Amino acid sequence: MNKLISTTILFLAFITIKSESQTAALERFLSDSLMQHASISFLIKDAVTGDTLAEYDSNRSLTPASVLKLITTAAALELLGPDYRFRTTLEYSGTLLKNSGVLKGDIIIKGGGDPCLASERFTEHYGNLFNDWAAAVRSSGIKKIKGRVITDDSYFDYEPVPDGWVWEDIGNYYGAGVYGLSVFDNTSKIHFRTYEEGSAPEIIMIEPFEAGNEYISNLIASGTTDRGYVFCSPYGNKGWISGTIPPNREDFILKAAITDPPLVAAKILTGKLIKKV
């Protein structure tokens, strides 16, 4: 039986917005100058009756992209409720010898589907999570581990991205997969130093370090905007980077998907325990 060391919980915040006339809202949306050159298509139906509530060019097929996050967020609030807590636990298996503090077993990080664990957007909530976990292990009386730090990622299935996703998206931060144990928004930062126009940028650092994959970079320093793309599959540790990023930058950051968040979490905690336990 696993022993519980620590629990991390995050709640879903609930924001109530003032309702308004659907017709007025749709007219304002469609007439916005930002929509002048956009392709727009939508269809809104009552989930119970099937009646069409609103539509615009509904037969046009478009990729919903990040707009769909509004739907998944609304679904989460409706199904889970605004006070739902995600539960991530730190446990151990095996036998702990109280006198010596030797654990003959493993430290286990058990994921509970928290999408925001250790996110830089919620630092006030999580604090320095991995340092706190290492301290919790020490406080439990464990001084030496004859085992490993492992993760339990079984809260969801092991298919982080659905088939049909665009290959150009999957290796990038906005195409990160869904894991039972996620960390840092499943996003890594690849730091580049760029030189003159047309030159090859230099990778100077990847953070977190534990998320560093083996990348072949075909990037070119060119233009004024970020047009760099990372190609790497879920659970993979090799990939490549193509496209362009601006020249003459001391530190230009390209965000990529963490391809194996559970492994990254295990590596980070292992490093903390080596230093602190």
C-alpha atoms as a PDB file:
ATOM      1  CA  MET A   1       0.000   0.000   0.000  1.00  0.00           C
ATOM      2  CA  ASN A   2       1.265   3.472  -0.849  1.00  0.00           C
ATOM      3  CA  LYS A   3       1.732   5.998   1.968  1.00  0.00           C
ATOM      4  CA  LEU A   4       0.644   9.591   1.376  1.00  0.00           C
ATOM      5  CA  ILE A   5       3.332  12.268   1.742  1.00  0.00           C
ATOM      6  CA  SER A   6       1.808  15.390   0.299  1.00  0.00           C
ATOM      7  CA  THR A   7      -1.246  16.620  -1.574  1.00  0.00           C
ATOM      8  CA  THR A   8      -1.471  19.505  -4.034  1.00  0.00           C
ATOM      9  CA  ILE A   9      -4.874  20.916  -4.947  1.00  0.00           C
ATOM     10  CA  LEU A  10      -6.039  23.615  -7.358  1.00  0.00           C
ATOM     11  CA  PHE A  11      -9.557  24.918  -7.710  1.00  0.00           C
ATOM     12  CA  LEU A  12     -11.338  26.103 -10.816  1.00  0.00           C
ATOM     13  CA  ALA A  13     -12.077  29.799 -10.633  1.00  0.00           C
ATOM     14  CA  PHE A  14     -15.563  30.797 -11.658  1.00  0.00           C
ATOM     15  CA  ILE A  15     -16.296  34.060 -13.399  1.00  0.00           C
ATOM     16  CA  THR A  16     -19.843  35.215 -13.902  1.00  0.00           C
ATOM     17  CA  ILE A  17     -20.412  37.473 -16.894  1.00  0.00           C
ATOM     18  CA  LYS A  18     -23.426  39.595 -17.483  1.00  0.00           C
ATOM     19  CA  SER A  19     -25.720  38.168 -20.154  1.00  0.00           C
ATOM     20  CA  GLU A  20     -26.736  40.281 -23.111  1.00  0.00           C
ATOM     21  CA  SER A  21     -28.867  40.064 -26.203  1.00  0.00           C
ATOM     22  CA  GLN A  22     -27.607  37.299 -28.483  1.00  0.00           C
ATOM     23  CA  THR A  23     -28.557  39.217 -31.584  1.00  0.00           C
ATOM     24  CA  ALA A  24     -26.775  42.381 -30.479  1.00  0.00           C
ATOM     25  CA  ALA A  25     -23.682  40.432 -29.452  1.00  0.00           C
ATOM     26  CA  LEU A  26     -23.510  38.589 -32.774  1.00  0.00           C
ATOM     27  CA  GLU A  27     -24.023  41.756 -34.796  1.00  0.00           C
ATOM     28  CA  ARG A  28     -21.279  43.513 -32.849  1.00  0.00           C
ATOM     29  CA  PHE A  29     -18.928  40.560 -33.337  1.00  0.00           C
ATOM     30  CA  LEU A  30     -19.527  40.310 -37.085  1.00  0.00           C
ATOM     31  CA  SER A  31     -19.216  44.058 -37.657  1.00  0.00           C
ATOM     32  CA  ASP A  32     -15.956  44.420 -35.729  1.00  0.00           C
ATOM     33  CA  SER A  33     -13.192  45.798 -37.973  1.00  0.00           C
ATOM     34  CA  LEU A  34     -10.909  42.967 -36.868  1.00  0.00           C
ATOM     35  CA  MET A  35     -13.260  40.540 -38.626  1.00  0.00           C
ATOM     36  CA  GLN A  36     -13.050  42.331 -41.974  1.00  0.00           C
ATOM     37  CA  HIS A  37     -10.752  39.765 -43.610  1.00  0.00           C
ATOM     38  CA  ALA A  38     -11.634  36.790 -41.408  1.00  0.00           C
ATOM     39  CA  SER A  39     -13.427  33.583 -42.340  1.00  0.00           C
ATOM     40  CA  ILE A  40     -16.327  33.164 -39.925  1.00  0.00           C
ATOM     41  CA  SER A  41     -18.634  30.224 -39.430  1.00  0.00           C
ATOM     42  CA  PHE A  42     -20.626  29.177 -36.403  1.00  0.00           C
ATOM     43  CA  LEU A  43     -23.704  27.242 -35.385  1.00  0.00           C
ATOM     44  CA  ILE A  44     -25.222  27.346 -31.896  1.00  0.00           C
ATOM     45  CA  LYS A  45     -27.882  24.817 -30.912  1.00  0.00           C
ATOM     46  CA  ASP A  46     -29.846  24.061 -27.785  1.00  0.00           C
ATOM     47  CA  ALA A  47     -28.283  20.881 -26.351  1.00  0.00           C
ATOM     48  CA  VAL A  48     -31.676  19.646 -25.121  1.00  0.00           C
ATOM     49  CA  THR A  49     -34.096  20.487 -27.922  1.00  0.00           C
ATOM     50  CA  GLY A  50     -31.685  20.635 -30.834  1.00  0.00           C
ATOM     51  CA  ASP A  51     -33.160  23.960 -31.926  1.00  0.00           C
ATOM     52  CA  THR A  52     -30.829  26.343 -33.744  1.00  0.00           C
ATOM     53  CA  LEU A  53     -30.270  29.443 -31.624  1.00  0.00           C
ATOM     54  CA  ALA A  54     -27.882  31.297 -33.909  1.00  0.00           C
ATOM     55  CA  GLU A  55     -25.823  30.641 -37.016  1.00  0.00           C
ATOM     56  CA  TYR A  56     -23.692  32.348 -39.601  1.00  0.00           C
ATOM     57  CA  ASP A  57     -22.419  30.663 -42.773  1.00  0.00           C
ATOM     58  CA  SER A  58     -22.748  27.393 -40.839  1.00  0.00           C
ATOM     59  CA  ASN A  59     -21.955  25.123 -43.810  1.00  0.00           C
ATOM     60  CA  ARG A  60     -18.416  26.506 -44.126  1.00  0.00           C
ATOM     61  CA  SER A  61     -15.792  24.121 -42.639  1.00  0.00           C
ATOM     62  CA  LEU A  62     -13.145  25.860 -40.528  1.00  0.00           C
ATOM     63  CA  THR A  63     -10.582  24.750 -37.942  1.00  0.00           C
ATOM     64  CA  PRO A  64     -11.837  25.997 -34.545  1.00  0.00           C
ATOM     65  CA  ALA A  65      -8.315  26.156 -33.040  1.00  0.00           C
ATOM     66  CA  SER A  66      -8.052  27.836 -29.629  1.00  0.00           C
ATOM     67  CA  VAL A  67     -11.614  29.147 -29.765  1.00  0.00           C
ATOM     68  CA  LEU A  68     -12.631  25.634 -28.759  1.00  0.00           C
ATOM     69  CA  LYS A  69     -10.986  26.226 -25.363  1.00  0.00           C
ATOM     70  CA  LEU A  70     -13.998  28.363 -24.498  1.00  0.00           C
ATOM     71  CA  ILE A  71     -16.199  25.312 -24.968  1.00  0.00           C
ATOM     72  CA  THR A  72     -13.999  22.954 -22.950  1.00  0.00           C
ATOM     73  CA  THR A  73     -13.697  25.518 -20.155  1.00  0.00           C
ATOM     74  CA  ALA A  74     -17.461  26.002 -20.064  1.00  0.00           C
ATOM     75  CA  ALA A  75     -17.939  22.226 -20.066  1.00  0.00           C
ATOM     76  CA  ALA A  76     -15.530  21.841 -17.145  1.00  0.00           C
ATOM     77  CA  LEU A  77     -17.363  24.478 -15.125  1.00  0.00           C
ATOM     78  CA  GLU A  78     -20.712  22.874 -15.913  1.00  0.00           C
ATOM     79  CA  LEU A  79     -19.695  19.256 -15.239  1.00  0.00           C
ATOM     80  CA  LEU A  80     -17.139  19.676 -12.453  1.00  0.00           C
ATOM     81  CA  GLY A  81     -18.455  22.842 -10.838  1.00  0.00           C
ATOM     82  CA  PRO A  82     -16.649  26.056  -9.871  1.00  0.00           C
ATOM     83  CA  ASP A  83     -15.349  24.600  -6.598  1.00  0.00           C
ATOM     84  CA  TYR A  84     -13.788  21.455  -8.039  1.00  0.00           C
ATOM     85  CA  ARG A  85     -10.314  20.603  -6.734  1.00  0.00           C
ATOM     86  CA  PHE A  86      -7.676  18.717  -8.699  1.00  0.00           C
ATOM     87  CA  ARG A  87      -5.738  16.400  -6.415  1.00  0.00           C
ATOM     88  CA  THR A  88      -2.068  15.548  -6.991  1.00  0.00           C
ATOM     89  CA  THR A  89      -0.451  13.347  -4.336  1.00  0.00           C
ATOM     90  CA  LEU A  90       3.103  12.473  -3.368  1.00  0.00           C
ATOM     91  CA  GLU A  91       3.301   8.944  -1.973  1.00  0.00           C
ATOM     92  CA  TYR A  92       5.749   6.136  -1.330  1.00  0.00           C
ATOM     93  CA  SER A  93       5.655   2.369  -1.681  1.00  0.00           C
ATOM     94  CA  GLY A  94       7.634  -0.362   0.042  1.00  0.00           C
ATOM     95  CA  THR A  95       9.025  -0.291   3.576  1.00  0.00           C
ATOM     96  CA  LEU A  96      10.383   2.669   5.507  1.00  0.00           C
ATOM     97  CA  LEU A  97      12.889   1.680   8.190  1.00  0.00           C
ATOM     98  CA  LYS A  98      12.133   4.204  10.918  1.00  0.00           C
ATOM     99  CA  ASN A  99      15.460   3.911  12.737  1.00  0.00           C
ATOM    100  CA  SER A 100      17.680   4.493   9.713  1.00  0.00           C
ATOM    101  CA  GLY A 101      15.288   6.488   7.553  1.00  0.00           C
ATOM    102  CA  VAL A 102      15.926   4.131   4.635  1.00  0.00           C
ATOM    103  CA  LEU A 103      13.033   3.655   2.226  1.00  0.00           C
ATOM    104  CA  LYS A 104      13.117   0.305   0.457  1.00  0.00           C
ATOM    105  CA  GLY A 105      10.697   1.366  -2.220  1.00  0.00           C
ATOM    106  CA  ASP A 106       9.781   4.207  -4.559  1.00  0.00           C
ATOM    107  CA  ILE A 107       8.593   7.784  -4.274  1.00  0.00           C
ATOM    108  CA  ILE A 108       5.453   8.123  -6.390  1.00  0.00           C
ATOM    109  CA  ILE A 109       3.966  11.269  -7.907  1.00  0.00           C
ATOM    110  CA  LYS A 110       0.314  10.425  -8.569  1.00  0.00           C
ATOM    111  CA  GLY A 111      -1.329  12.725 -11.083  1.00  0.00           C
ATOM    112  CA  GLY A 112      -4.933  13.799 -10.811  1.00  0.00           C
ATOM    113  CA  GLY A 113      -5.401  15.619 -14.099  1.00  0.00           C
ATOM    114  CA  ASP A 114      -4.430  19.072 -12.810  1.00  0.00           C
ATOM    115  CA  PRO A 115      -3.722  21.140 -15.962  1.00  0.00           C
ATOM    116  CA  CYS A 116      -1.979  23.906 -14.031  1.00  0.00           C
ATOM    117  CA  LEU A 117       0.454  22.062 -11.743  1.00  0.00           C
ATOM    118  CA  ALA A 118       3.539  24.253 -11.149  1.00  0.00           C
ATOM    119  CA  SER A 119       2.296  26.754 -13.741  1.00  0.00           C
ATOM    120  CA  GLU A 120       4.057  30.117 -13.679  1.00  0.00           C
ATOM    121  CA  ARG A 121       0.589  31.660 -13.857  1.00  0.00           C
ATOM    122  CA  PHE A 122      -0.275  30.273 -10.416  1.00  0.00           C
ATOM    123  CA  THR A 123       2.952  30.769  -8.464  1.00  0.00           C
ATOM    124  CA  GLU A 124       1.073  32.157  -5.467  1.00  0.00           C
ATOM    125  CA  HIS A 125      -0.875  28.906  -5.223  1.00  0.00           C
ATOM    126  CA  TYR A 126       1.891  26.366  -5.876  1.00  0.00           C
ATOM    127  CA  GLY A 127       4.913  28.207  -4.532  1.00  0.00           C
ATOM    128  CA  ASN A 128       8.172  26.352  -5.145  1.00  0.00           C
ATOM    129  CA  LEU A 129       6.417  23.030  -5.629  1.00  0.00           C
ATOM    130  CA  PHE A 130       9.328  20.640  -6.123  1.00  0.00           C
ATOM    131  CA  ASN A 131      11.322  22.128  -3.250  1.00  0.00           C
ATOM    132  CA  ASP A 132       8.237  21.738  -1.070  1.00  0.00           C
ATOM    133  CA  TRP A 133       7.832  18.124  -2.160  1.00  0.00           C
ATOM    134  CA  ALA A 134      11.476  17.368  -1.375  1.00  0.00           C
ATOM    135  CA  ALA A 135      11.004  18.938   2.050  1.00  0.00           C
ATOM    136  CA  ALA A 136       7.864  16.843   2.582  1.00  0.00           C
ATOM    137  CA  VAL A 137       9.826  13.666   1.835  1.00  0.00           C
ATOM    138  CA  ARG A 138      12.452  14.679   4.388  1.00  0.00           C
ATOM    139  CA  SER A 139       9.798  15.567   6.960  1.00  0.00           C
ATOM    140  CA  SER A 140       8.258  12.113   6.584  1.00  0.00           C
ATOM    141  CA  GLY A 141      11.476  10.614   7.948  1.00  0.00           C
ATOM    142  CA  ILE A 142      12.960   9.418   4.650  1.00  0.00           C
ATOM    143  CA  LYS A 143      16.727   9.946   4.527  1.00  0.00           C
ATOM    144  CA  LYS A 144      17.756   7.454   1.864  1.00  0.00           C
ATOM    145  CA  ILE A 145      15.820   5.860  -0.978  1.00  0.00           C
ATOM    146  CA  LYS A 146      16.644   2.427  -2.315  1.00  0.00           C
ATOM    147  CA  GLY A 147      14.359   2.870  -5.257  1.00  0.00           C
ATOM    148  CA  ARG A 148      13.335   5.551  -7.724  1.00  0.00           C
ATOM    149  CA  VAL A 149      11.037   8.512  -8.205  1.00  0.00           C
ATOM    150  CA  ILE A 150       8.255   7.265 -10.461  1.00  0.00           C
ATOM    151  CA  THR A 151       5.000   8.757 -11.700  1.00  0.00           C
ATOM    152  CA  ASP A 152       1.453   7.487 -11.942  1.00  0.00           C
ATOM    153  CA  ASP A 153       0.017   9.029 -15.101  1.00  0.00           C
ATOM    154  CA  SER A 154      -2.992   6.723 -15.334  1.00  0.00           C
ATOM    155  CA  TYR A 155      -5.641   9.349 -14.527  1.00  0.00           C
ATOM    156  CA  PHE A 156      -6.165   9.777 -18.276  1.00  0.00           C
ATOM    157  CA  ASP A 157      -5.295   7.445 -21.141  1.00  0.00           C
ATOM    158  CA  TYR A 158      -1.881   7.412 -22.764  1.00  0.00           C
ATOM    159  CA  GLU A 159      -2.873   9.199 -25.959  1.00  0.00           C
ATOM    160  CA  PRO A 160      -1.959  12.839 -25.221  1.00  0.00           C
ATOM    161  CA  VAL A 161      -3.081  14.164 -28.608  1.00  0.00           C
ATOM    162  CA  PRO A 162      -5.928  12.910 -30.813  1.00  0.00           C
ATOM    163  CA  ASP A 163      -5.334  11.592 -34.296  1.00  0.00           C
ATOM    164  CA  GLY A 164      -5.955  14.235 -36.898  1.00  0.00           C
ATOM    165  CA  TRP A 165      -4.051  17.004 -35.145  1.00  0.00           C
ATOM    166  CA  VAL A 166      -1.803  19.060 -37.416  1.00  0.00           C
ATOM    167  CA  TRP A 167       1.825  17.926 -37.190  1.00  0.00           C
ATOM    168  CA  GLU A 168       2.945  21.555 -37.331  1.00  0.00           C
ATOM    169  CA  ASP A 169       1.143  22.200 -34.026  1.00  0.00           C
ATOM    170  CA  ILE A 170       1.932  19.168 -31.876  1.00  0.00           C
ATOM    171  CA  GLY A 171       5.525  20.034 -30.887  1.00  0.00           C
ATOM    172  CA  ASN A 172       4.683  23.622 -29.967  1.00  0.00           C
ATOM    173  CA  TYR A 173       3.371  24.981 -26.680  1.00  0.00           C
ATOM    174  CA  TYR A 174      -0.139  25.593 -28.023  1.00  0.00           C
ATOM    175  CA  GLY A 175      -0.294  21.973 -29.193  1.00  0.00           C
ATOM    176  CA  ALA A 176       0.876  20.364 -25.949  1.00  0.00           C
ATOM    177  CA  GLY A 177      -0.856  17.115 -25.087  1.00  0.00           C
ATOM    178  CA  VAL A 178      -3.151  16.180 -22.205  1.00  0.00           C
ATOM    179  CA  TYR A 179      -1.527  14.062 -19.504  1.00  0.00           C
ATOM    180  CA  GLY A 180      -2.700  12.714 -16.170  1.00  0.00           C
ATOM    181  CA  LEU A 181       0.339  14.468 -14.697  1.00  0.00           C
ATOM    182  CA  SER A 182       1.185  17.810 -16.260  1.00  0.00           C
ATOM    183  CA  VAL A 183       3.805  20.394 -15.215  1.00  0.00           C
ATOM    184  CA  PHE A 184       4.614  23.985 -16.224  1.00  0.00           C
ATOM    185  CA  ASP A 185       1.627  24.136 -18.589  1.00  0.00           C
ATOM    186  CA  ASN A 186       3.420  21.325 -20.471  1.00  0.00           C
ATOM    187  CA  THR A 187       5.566  24.090 -21.949  1.00  0.00           C
ATOM    188  CA  SER A 188       9.338  24.391 -22.215  1.00  0.00           C
ATOM    189  CA  LYS A 189      11.306  27.464 -23.252  1.00  0.00           C
ATOM    190  CA  ILE A 190      14.099  27.150 -25.802  1.00  0.00           C
ATOM    191  CA  HIS A 191      16.439  30.141 -25.540  1.00  0.00           C
ATOM    192  CA  PHE A 192      18.295  31.239 -28.678  1.00  0.00           C
ATOM    193  CA  ARG A 193      21.009  33.753 -29.390  1.00  0.00           C
ATOM    194  CA  THR A 194      20.588  35.074 -32.917  1.00  0.00           C
ATOM    195  CA  TYR A 195      23.067  36.855 -35.133  1.00  0.00           C
ATOM    196  CA  GLU A 196      22.936  38.621 -38.500  1.00  0.00           C
ATOM    197  CA  GLU A 197      20.175  38.164 -41.066  1.00  0.00           C
ATOM    198  CA  GLY A 198      20.339  34.731 -42.678  1.00  0.00           C
ATOM    199  CA  SER A 199      22.545  33.144 -40.012  1.00  0.00           C
ATOM    200  CA  ALA A 200      21.792  30.063 -37.887  1.00  0.00           C
ATOM    201  CA  PRO A 201      20.523  30.823 -34.343  1.00  0.00           C
ATOM    202  CA  GLU A 202      22.313  29.180 -31.416  1.00  0.00           C
ATOM    203  CA  ILE A 203      20.472  27.284 -28.672  1.00  0.00           C
ATOM    204  CA  ILE A 204      21.862  28.591 -25.378  1.00  0.00           C
ATOM    205  CA  MET A 205      19.480  27.026 -22.851  1.00  0.00           C
ATOM    206  CA  ILE A 206      16.303  24.983 -22.437  1.00  0.00           C
ATOM    207  CA  GLU A 207      14.137  25.386 -19.353  1.00  0.00           C
ATOM    208  CA  PRO A 208      13.283  23.441 -17.462  1.00  0.00           C
ATOM    209  CA  PHE A 209      16.578  21.699 -18.137  1.00  0.00           C
ATOM    210  CA  GLU A 210      14.899  18.328 -17.594  1.00  0.00           C
ATOM    211  CA  ALA A 211      12.611  18.978 -20.575  1.00  0.00           C
ATOM    212  CA  GLY A 212      15.499  19.371 -22.985  1.00  0.00           C
ATOM    213  CA  ASN A 213      15.087  17.125 -26.010  1.00  0.00           C
ATOM    214  CA  GLU A 214      17.654  16.423 -28.692  1.00  0.00           C
ATOM    215  CA  TYR A 215      16.789  18.945 -31.384  1.00  0.00           C
ATOM    216  CA  ILE A 216      18.201  19.445 -34.863  1.00  0.00           C
ATOM    217  CA  SER A 217      17.781  23.138 -35.603  1.00  0.00           C
ATOM    218  CA  ASN A 218      17.097  24.310 -39.152  1.00  0.00           C
ATOM    219  CA  LEU A 219      16.101  27.772 -37.960  1.00  0.00           C
ATOM    220  CA  ILE A 220      17.192  30.890 -39.820  1.00  0.00           C
ATOM    221  CA  ALA A 221      17.535  34.353 -38.303  1.00  0.00           C
ATOM    222  CA  SER A 222      15.251  36.463 -40.467  1.00  0.00           C
ATOM    223  CA  GLY A 223      12.325  38.884 -40.275  1.00  0.00           C
ATOM    224  CA  THR A 224      10.820  40.597 -37.264  1.00  0.00           C
ATOM    225  CA  THR A 225       8.359  38.009 -35.930  1.00  0.00           C
ATOM    226  CA  ASP A 226       8.398  34.531 -34.478  1.00  0.00           C
ATOM    227  CA  ARG A 227       7.831  32.017 -37.262  1.00  0.00           C
ATOM    228  CA  GLY A 228       9.680  29.145 -35.659  1.00  0.00           C
ATOM    229  CA  TYR A 229       8.107  25.701 -35.270  1.00  0.00           C
ATOM    230  CA  VAL A 230       9.119  22.729 -33.152  1.00  0.00           C
ATOM    231  CA  PHE A 231       8.436  19.222 -34.450  1.00  0.00           C
ATOM    232  CA  CYS A 232       8.436  16.465 -31.847  1.00  0.00           C
ATOM    233  CA  SER A 233       5.933  13.750 -30.929  1.00  0.00           C
ATOM    234  CA  PRO A 234       4.427  12.979 -27.495  1.00  0.00           C
ATOM    235  CA  TYR A 235       6.744  10.827 -25.346  1.00  0.00           C
ATOM    236  CA  GLY A 236       9.522  11.485 -27.876  1.00  0.00           C
ATOM    237  CA  ASN A 237      12.946  12.905 -26.999  1.00  0.00           C
ATOM    238  CA  LYS A 238      14.193  13.844 -30.458  1.00  0.00           C
ATOM    239  CA  GLY A 239      12.893  16.404 -32.909  1.00  0.00           C
ATOM    240  CA  TRP A 240      13.764  19.359 -35.079  1.00  0.00           C
ATOM    241  CA  ILE A 241      13.080  23.076 -35.301  1.00  0.00           C
ATOM    242  CA  SER A 242      12.339  24.909 -38.538  1.00  0.00           C
ATOM    243  CA  GLY A 243      11.311  28.369 -39.695  1.00  0.00           C
ATOM    244  CA  THR A 244      12.586  31.837 -38.830  1.00  0.00           C
ATOM    245  CA  ILE A 245      13.076  33.978 -35.732  1.00  0.00           C
ATOM    246  CA  PRO A 246      14.303  37.603 -35.567  1.00  0.00           C
ATOM    247  CA  PRO A 247      18.059  38.290 -35.958  1.00  0.00           C
ATOM    248  CA  ASN A 248      20.405  40.082 -33.535  1.00  0.00           C
ATOM    249  CA  ARG A 249      18.734  38.989 -30.305  1.00  0.00           C
ATOM    250  CA  GLU A 250      20.691  38.150 -27.157  1.00  0.00           C
ATOM    251  CA  ASP A 251      17.920  35.929 -25.844  1.00  0.00           C
ATOM    252  CA  PHE A 252      14.967  34.959 -28.010  1.00  0.00           C
ATOM    253  CA  ILE A 253      12.564  32.410 -26.531  1.00  0.00           C
ATOM    254  CA  LEU A 254      10.747  29.819 -28.600  1.00  0.00           C
ATOM    255  CA  LYS A 255       8.125  27.900 -26.635  1.00  0.00           C
ATOM    256  CA  ALA A 256       7.760  24.174 -27.208  1.00  0.00           C
ATOM    257  CA  ALA A 257       5.548  21.395 -25.878  1.00  0.00           C
ATOM    258  CA  ILE A 258       6.972  19.263 -23.087  1.00  0.00           C
ATOM    259  CA  THR A 259       6.691  15.866 -24.727  1.00  0.00           C
ATOM    260  CA  ASP A 260       6.782  13.777 -21.522  1.00  0.00           C
ATOM    261  CA  PRO A 261       5.621  15.855 -18.521  1.00  0.00           C
ATOM    262  CA  PRO A 262       5.497  12.889 -16.074  1.00  0.00           C
ATOM    263  CA  LEU A 263       9.138  12.061 -16.825  1.00  0.00           C
ATOM    264  CA  VAL A 264      10.131  15.714 -16.397  1.00  0.00           C
ATOM    265  CA  ALA A 265       8.403  15.822 -12.994  1.00  0.00           C
ATOM    266  CA  ALA A 266      10.217  12.657 -11.902  1.00  0.00           C
ATOM    267  CA  LYS A 267      13.582  14.023 -13.041  1.00  0.00           C
ATOM    268  CA  ILE A 268      13.108  17.346 -11.243  1.00  0.00           C
ATOM    269  CA  LEU A 269      12.058  15.760  -7.952  1.00  0.00           C
ATOM    270  CA  THR A 270      14.918  13.265  -8.180  1.00  0.00           C
ATOM    271  CA  GLY A 271      17.354  16.156  -8.523  1.00  0.00           C
ATOM    272  CA  LYS A 272      15.825  17.969  -5.554  1.00  0.00           C
ATOM    273  CA  LEU A 273      15.993  14.848  -3.398  1.00  0.00           C
ATOM    274  CA  ILE A 274      19.646  14.258  -4.258  1.00  0.00           C
ATOM    275  CA  LYS A 275      20.386  17.769  -3.027  1.00  0.00           C
ATOM    276  CA  LYS A 276      18.080  17.872   0.001  1.00  0.00           C
ATOM    277  CA  VAL A 277      17.470  14.359   1.306  1.00  0.00           C
END
